[in-house]
N, C-alpha and C. Protein backbone atom coordinates (compact mmCIF):
# COMPACT_ATOMS: atom_id res chain seq x y z
N UNK A 1 -18.56 -8.81 13.99
CA UNK A 1 -17.27 -9.47 13.79
C UNK A 1 -17.46 -10.96 14.08
N UNK A 2 -17.07 -11.82 13.15
CA UNK A 2 -17.18 -13.27 13.39
C UNK A 2 -16.24 -13.75 14.50
N UNK A 3 -16.56 -14.86 15.10
CA UNK A 3 -15.73 -15.45 16.16
C UNK A 3 -14.31 -15.68 15.66
N UNK A 4 -13.35 -15.31 16.51
CA UNK A 4 -11.91 -15.47 16.24
C UNK A 4 -11.41 -14.68 15.04
N UNK A 5 -12.16 -13.65 14.63
CA UNK A 5 -11.73 -12.86 13.48
C UNK A 5 -10.60 -11.91 13.85
N UNK A 6 -9.88 -11.47 12.83
CA UNK A 6 -8.75 -10.56 13.01
C UNK A 6 -8.64 -9.70 11.76
N UNK A 7 -8.73 -8.38 11.95
CA UNK A 7 -8.64 -7.44 10.84
C UNK A 7 -8.20 -6.09 11.38
N UNK A 8 -8.34 -5.06 10.58
CA UNK A 8 -7.98 -3.73 11.03
C UNK A 8 -8.40 -2.68 10.03
N UNK A 9 -8.41 -1.45 10.49
CA UNK A 9 -8.68 -0.29 9.65
C UNK A 9 -7.41 0.53 9.60
N UNK A 10 -6.87 0.72 8.38
CA UNK A 10 -5.64 1.49 8.21
C UNK A 10 -5.95 2.92 7.80
N UNK A 11 -5.23 3.85 8.39
CA UNK A 11 -5.29 5.25 7.98
C UNK A 11 -3.93 5.62 7.44
N UNK A 12 -3.92 6.24 6.28
CA UNK A 12 -2.69 6.64 5.60
C UNK A 12 -1.78 5.44 5.30
N UNK A 13 -2.34 4.25 5.29
CA UNK A 13 -1.57 3.06 4.96
C UNK A 13 -0.58 2.63 6.02
N UNK A 14 -0.62 3.24 7.23
CA UNK A 14 0.37 2.87 8.24
C UNK A 14 -0.12 2.89 9.67
N UNK A 15 -1.25 3.51 9.97
CA UNK A 15 -1.76 3.57 11.35
C UNK A 15 -3.02 2.73 11.42
N UNK A 16 -3.00 1.68 12.25
CA UNK A 16 -4.08 0.70 12.25
C UNK A 16 -4.86 0.67 13.55
N UNK A 17 -6.18 0.73 13.43
CA UNK A 17 -7.07 0.42 14.53
C UNK A 17 -7.39 -1.06 14.41
N UNK A 18 -7.09 -1.82 15.44
CA UNK A 18 -7.24 -3.27 15.40
C UNK A 18 -8.72 -3.67 15.53
N UNK A 19 -9.11 -4.65 14.74
CA UNK A 19 -10.43 -5.27 14.85
C UNK A 19 -10.19 -6.75 15.12
N UNK A 20 -10.58 -7.18 16.31
CA UNK A 20 -10.30 -8.55 16.75
C UNK A 20 -11.43 -9.00 17.66
N UNK A 21 -11.78 -10.24 17.62
CA UNK A 21 -12.78 -10.79 18.53
C UNK A 21 -12.19 -10.78 19.94
N UNK A 22 -12.43 -9.70 20.71
CA UNK A 22 -11.84 -9.52 22.04
C UNK A 22 -12.89 -9.45 23.15
N UNK A 23 -14.16 -9.71 22.82
CA UNK A 23 -15.23 -9.58 23.82
C UNK A 23 -14.94 -10.44 25.05
N UNK A 24 -15.11 -9.83 26.23
CA UNK A 24 -14.95 -10.55 27.49
C UNK A 24 -13.53 -10.64 28.00
N UNK A 25 -12.56 -10.23 27.23
CA UNK A 25 -11.16 -10.30 27.65
C UNK A 25 -10.91 -9.23 28.72
N UNK A 26 -10.30 -9.61 29.84
CA UNK A 26 -10.09 -8.66 30.94
C UNK A 26 -8.93 -7.71 30.68
N UNK A 27 -7.79 -8.23 30.30
CA UNK A 27 -6.60 -7.41 30.07
C UNK A 27 -6.37 -7.28 28.57
N UNK A 28 -6.66 -6.08 28.03
CA UNK A 28 -6.52 -5.87 26.60
C UNK A 28 -5.20 -5.18 26.28
N UNK A 29 -4.68 -5.48 25.09
CA UNK A 29 -3.43 -4.88 24.63
C UNK A 29 -3.62 -4.21 23.29
N UNK A 30 -2.53 -3.74 22.71
CA UNK A 30 -2.59 -3.04 21.42
C UNK A 30 -3.17 -3.91 20.31
N UNK A 31 -3.11 -5.22 20.45
CA UNK A 31 -3.59 -6.14 19.43
C UNK A 31 -5.06 -6.50 19.57
N UNK A 32 -5.75 -5.90 20.54
CA UNK A 32 -7.16 -6.20 20.75
C UNK A 32 -8.05 -5.14 20.12
N UNK A 33 -9.35 -5.44 20.05
CA UNK A 33 -10.34 -4.56 19.43
C UNK A 33 -10.22 -3.13 19.99
N UNK A 34 -10.03 -2.17 19.07
CA UNK A 34 -9.91 -0.77 19.46
C UNK A 34 -8.51 -0.33 19.79
N UNK A 35 -7.56 -1.25 19.77
CA UNK A 35 -6.17 -0.89 20.03
C UNK A 35 -5.51 -0.26 18.81
N UNK A 36 -4.51 0.57 19.04
CA UNK A 36 -3.68 1.08 17.94
C UNK A 36 -2.57 0.07 17.76
N UNK A 37 -2.67 -0.68 16.69
CA UNK A 37 -1.72 -1.78 16.47
C UNK A 37 -0.32 -1.24 16.25
N UNK A 38 0.65 -1.92 16.82
CA UNK A 38 2.02 -1.43 16.69
C UNK A 38 2.50 -1.52 15.25
N UNK A 39 3.41 -0.60 14.94
CA UNK A 39 4.02 -0.60 13.61
C UNK A 39 5.32 -1.37 13.69
N UNK A 40 5.86 -1.73 12.54
CA UNK A 40 7.03 -2.61 12.48
C UNK A 40 8.07 -2.02 11.56
N UNK A 41 9.33 -2.07 12.00
CA UNK A 41 10.45 -1.59 11.19
C UNK A 41 11.65 -2.47 11.50
N UNK A 42 12.10 -3.22 10.52
CA UNK A 42 13.23 -4.14 10.72
C UNK A 42 14.52 -3.42 11.06
N UNK A 43 14.60 -2.11 10.80
CA UNK A 43 15.81 -1.35 11.09
C UNK A 43 15.83 -0.74 12.49
N UNK A 44 14.77 -0.97 13.26
CA UNK A 44 14.68 -0.42 14.62
C UNK A 44 14.94 -1.51 15.65
N UNK A 45 15.22 -1.06 16.86
CA UNK A 45 15.33 -1.98 17.99
C UNK A 45 14.62 -1.34 19.17
N UNK A 46 13.47 -1.80 19.63
CA UNK A 46 12.79 -2.99 19.12
C UNK A 46 12.12 -2.73 17.77
N UNK A 47 11.88 -3.80 17.05
CA UNK A 47 11.30 -3.68 15.71
C UNK A 47 9.85 -3.22 15.75
N UNK A 48 9.08 -3.63 16.76
CA UNK A 48 7.70 -3.20 16.92
C UNK A 48 7.64 -1.98 17.83
N UNK A 49 6.83 -0.98 17.45
CA UNK A 49 6.76 0.26 18.24
C UNK A 49 5.42 0.95 18.04
N UNK A 50 5.10 1.86 18.92
CA UNK A 50 3.92 2.73 18.85
C UNK A 50 2.58 2.05 19.13
N UNK A 51 2.54 0.82 19.61
CA UNK A 51 1.27 0.18 19.93
C UNK A 51 0.64 0.76 21.19
N UNK A 52 -0.68 0.96 21.17
CA UNK A 52 -1.39 1.52 22.32
C UNK A 52 -2.65 0.69 22.57
N UNK A 53 -2.79 0.11 23.79
CA UNK A 53 -4.01 -0.65 24.07
C UNK A 53 -5.22 0.26 24.19
N UNK A 54 -6.43 -0.28 24.00
CA UNK A 54 -7.63 0.53 24.21
C UNK A 54 -7.78 0.88 25.69
N UNK A 55 -8.44 1.99 25.98
CA UNK A 55 -8.65 2.41 27.37
C UNK A 55 -9.52 1.40 28.12
N UNK A 56 -10.48 0.81 27.43
CA UNK A 56 -11.36 -0.22 28.00
C UNK A 56 -11.69 -1.24 26.92
N UNK A 57 -12.19 -2.38 27.33
CA UNK A 57 -12.66 -3.37 26.37
C UNK A 57 -14.14 -3.09 26.09
N UNK A 58 -14.41 -2.49 24.95
CA UNK A 58 -15.77 -2.13 24.56
C UNK A 58 -16.31 -3.03 23.46
N UNK A 59 -15.65 -4.15 23.21
CA UNK A 59 -16.03 -5.05 22.12
C UNK A 59 -17.36 -5.73 22.41
N UNK A 60 -18.20 -5.78 21.40
CA UNK A 60 -19.44 -6.55 21.47
C UNK A 60 -19.11 -8.02 21.23
N UNK A 61 -20.02 -8.92 21.61
CA UNK A 61 -19.78 -10.36 21.37
C UNK A 61 -19.63 -10.67 19.88
N UNK A 62 -18.95 -11.76 19.59
CA UNK A 62 -18.79 -12.22 18.20
C UNK A 62 -20.16 -12.39 17.58
N UNK A 63 -20.25 -12.02 16.30
CA UNK A 63 -21.50 -12.11 15.57
C UNK A 63 -22.33 -10.84 15.63
N UNK A 64 -21.98 -9.90 16.52
CA UNK A 64 -22.69 -8.63 16.60
C UNK A 64 -21.88 -7.55 15.89
N UNK A 65 -22.59 -6.50 15.46
CA UNK A 65 -21.92 -5.37 14.82
C UNK A 65 -21.03 -4.64 15.82
N UNK A 66 -19.92 -4.11 15.31
CA UNK A 66 -19.03 -3.24 16.07
C UNK A 66 -19.10 -1.86 15.41
N UNK A 67 -19.31 -0.83 16.18
CA UNK A 67 -19.41 0.53 15.65
C UNK A 67 -18.16 1.31 16.05
N UNK A 68 -17.46 1.82 15.06
CA UNK A 68 -16.26 2.63 15.31
C UNK A 68 -16.47 4.04 14.77
N UNK A 69 -16.08 5.02 15.56
CA UNK A 69 -16.04 6.42 15.13
C UNK A 69 -14.61 6.88 15.38
N UNK A 70 -13.90 7.19 14.29
CA UNK A 70 -12.48 7.54 14.37
C UNK A 70 -12.31 9.00 13.97
N UNK A 71 -11.66 9.75 14.84
CA UNK A 71 -11.30 11.13 14.51
C UNK A 71 -9.76 11.18 14.48
N UNK A 72 -9.22 11.36 13.26
CA UNK A 72 -7.78 11.28 13.03
C UNK A 72 -7.30 12.57 12.37
N UNK A 73 -6.13 13.02 12.78
CA UNK A 73 -5.52 14.20 12.14
C UNK A 73 -4.22 13.77 11.48
N UNK A 74 -4.14 14.00 10.18
CA UNK A 74 -2.94 13.68 9.42
C UNK A 74 -1.80 14.61 9.83
N UNK A 75 -0.55 14.23 9.57
CA UNK A 75 0.56 15.11 9.91
C UNK A 75 0.52 16.40 9.11
N UNK A 76 1.05 17.44 9.69
CA UNK A 76 1.18 18.73 9.02
C UNK A 76 2.66 18.91 8.71
N UNK A 77 2.96 19.18 7.44
CA UNK A 77 4.35 19.30 7.01
C UNK A 77 4.62 20.69 6.47
N UNK A 78 5.85 21.16 6.72
CA UNK A 78 6.29 22.42 6.13
C UNK A 78 6.60 22.18 4.66
N UNK A 79 6.80 23.25 3.91
CA UNK A 79 7.10 23.12 2.48
C UNK A 79 8.36 22.30 2.23
N UNK A 80 9.30 22.35 3.17
CA UNK A 80 10.55 21.59 3.01
C UNK A 80 10.42 20.14 3.48
N UNK A 81 9.22 19.74 3.92
CA UNK A 81 8.99 18.36 4.34
C UNK A 81 9.17 18.10 5.82
N UNK A 82 9.63 19.09 6.59
CA UNK A 82 9.79 18.89 8.03
C UNK A 82 8.43 18.80 8.69
N UNK A 83 8.36 17.96 9.73
CA UNK A 83 7.10 17.74 10.43
C UNK A 83 6.80 18.92 11.34
N UNK A 84 5.63 19.53 11.13
CA UNK A 84 5.16 20.61 12.01
C UNK A 84 4.26 20.05 13.11
N UNK A 85 3.43 19.07 12.74
CA UNK A 85 2.54 18.38 13.68
C UNK A 85 2.55 16.91 13.33
N UNK A 86 2.73 16.07 14.34
CA UNK A 86 2.73 14.63 14.12
C UNK A 86 1.30 14.12 13.93
N UNK A 87 1.13 13.01 13.23
CA UNK A 87 -0.20 12.43 13.06
C UNK A 87 -0.73 11.97 14.42
N UNK A 88 -2.07 12.06 14.57
CA UNK A 88 -2.62 11.62 15.86
C UNK A 88 -4.08 11.18 15.72
N UNK A 89 -4.42 10.28 16.61
CA UNK A 89 -5.81 9.88 16.78
C UNK A 89 -6.38 10.79 17.85
N UNK A 90 -7.25 11.70 17.45
CA UNK A 90 -7.86 12.61 18.41
C UNK A 90 -8.77 11.82 19.34
N UNK A 91 -9.59 10.95 18.75
CA UNK A 91 -10.43 10.06 19.54
C UNK A 91 -10.86 8.87 18.69
N UNK A 92 -11.09 7.77 19.38
CA UNK A 92 -11.67 6.59 18.76
C UNK A 92 -12.73 6.07 19.73
N UNK A 93 -13.95 5.97 19.21
CA UNK A 93 -15.06 5.41 19.98
C UNK A 93 -15.41 4.06 19.40
N UNK A 94 -15.53 3.09 20.27
CA UNK A 94 -15.96 1.74 19.88
C UNK A 94 -17.26 1.46 20.62
N UNK A 95 -18.32 1.24 19.87
CA UNK A 95 -19.63 0.97 20.47
C UNK A 95 -20.00 2.05 21.48
N UNK A 96 -19.76 3.31 21.08
CA UNK A 96 -20.10 4.51 21.86
C UNK A 96 -19.29 4.67 23.14
N UNK A 97 -18.16 3.98 23.25
CA UNK A 97 -17.29 4.13 24.41
C UNK A 97 -15.90 4.56 23.94
N UNK A 98 -15.33 5.54 24.62
CA UNK A 98 -14.01 6.07 24.26
C UNK A 98 -12.93 5.02 24.53
N UNK A 99 -12.19 4.64 23.47
CA UNK A 99 -11.12 3.64 23.63
C UNK A 99 -9.74 4.21 23.33
N UNK A 100 -9.66 5.34 22.62
CA UNK A 100 -8.38 6.01 22.34
C UNK A 100 -8.62 7.51 22.44
N UNK A 101 -7.64 8.21 23.06
CA UNK A 101 -7.77 9.66 23.19
C UNK A 101 -6.42 10.34 23.01
N UNK A 102 -6.35 11.18 22.00
CA UNK A 102 -5.20 12.05 21.75
C UNK A 102 -3.86 11.31 21.72
N UNK A 103 -3.80 10.22 20.99
CA UNK A 103 -2.55 9.48 20.81
C UNK A 103 -1.87 9.93 19.53
N UNK A 104 -0.61 10.35 19.64
CA UNK A 104 0.10 10.78 18.46
C UNK A 104 1.35 9.95 18.26
N UNK A 105 1.88 10.02 17.04
CA UNK A 105 3.02 9.20 16.66
C UNK A 105 4.21 10.11 16.37
N UNK A 106 5.24 9.99 17.17
CA UNK A 106 6.44 10.82 16.99
C UNK A 106 7.30 10.34 15.82
N UNK A 107 7.15 9.10 15.45
CA UNK A 107 7.97 8.56 14.38
C UNK A 107 7.17 8.56 13.10
N UNK A 108 7.26 9.67 12.39
CA UNK A 108 6.54 9.81 11.13
C UNK A 108 7.56 9.69 10.02
N UNK A 109 7.25 8.87 9.02
CA UNK A 109 8.15 8.70 7.89
C UNK A 109 7.55 9.40 6.68
N UNK A 110 8.29 10.31 6.12
CA UNK A 110 7.82 11.05 4.96
C UNK A 110 7.74 10.12 3.76
N UNK A 111 6.67 10.23 3.02
CA UNK A 111 6.52 9.45 1.80
C UNK A 111 7.14 10.22 0.63
N UNK A 112 7.89 9.56 -0.17
CA UNK A 112 8.51 10.19 -1.32
C UNK A 112 7.80 9.72 -2.59
N UNK A 113 7.60 10.62 -3.51
CA UNK A 113 6.96 10.22 -4.77
C UNK A 113 8.04 9.92 -5.80
N UNK A 114 7.70 9.02 -6.71
CA UNK A 114 8.62 8.66 -7.78
C UNK A 114 8.32 9.56 -8.99
N UNK A 115 9.33 10.15 -9.57
CA UNK A 115 9.15 11.01 -10.74
C UNK A 115 9.55 10.27 -12.00
């Protein structure tokens, strides 16, 4: 990751693992490397929700490779569209260190298809 870089990996177009130059930072938040970046909804109060900081700061220095292993489970829906199981990150490893464990999202929005 280049110095001062900021990116992310999206799953299902809505759940993001943050990629940020966070090496050496003592207090990490949801917006740092390995964090589950908060989602945003203008109709909610507060508008930002579901952000989870990494368990530890496992970021390598800028200019070095970052290795992520993500184990994610998509939501399970009944035939009528009701949520049976919420989506969750079973585990996220950053540079071989556990940074997320069994985090799930209670606020799942069903996607509707256009006919």
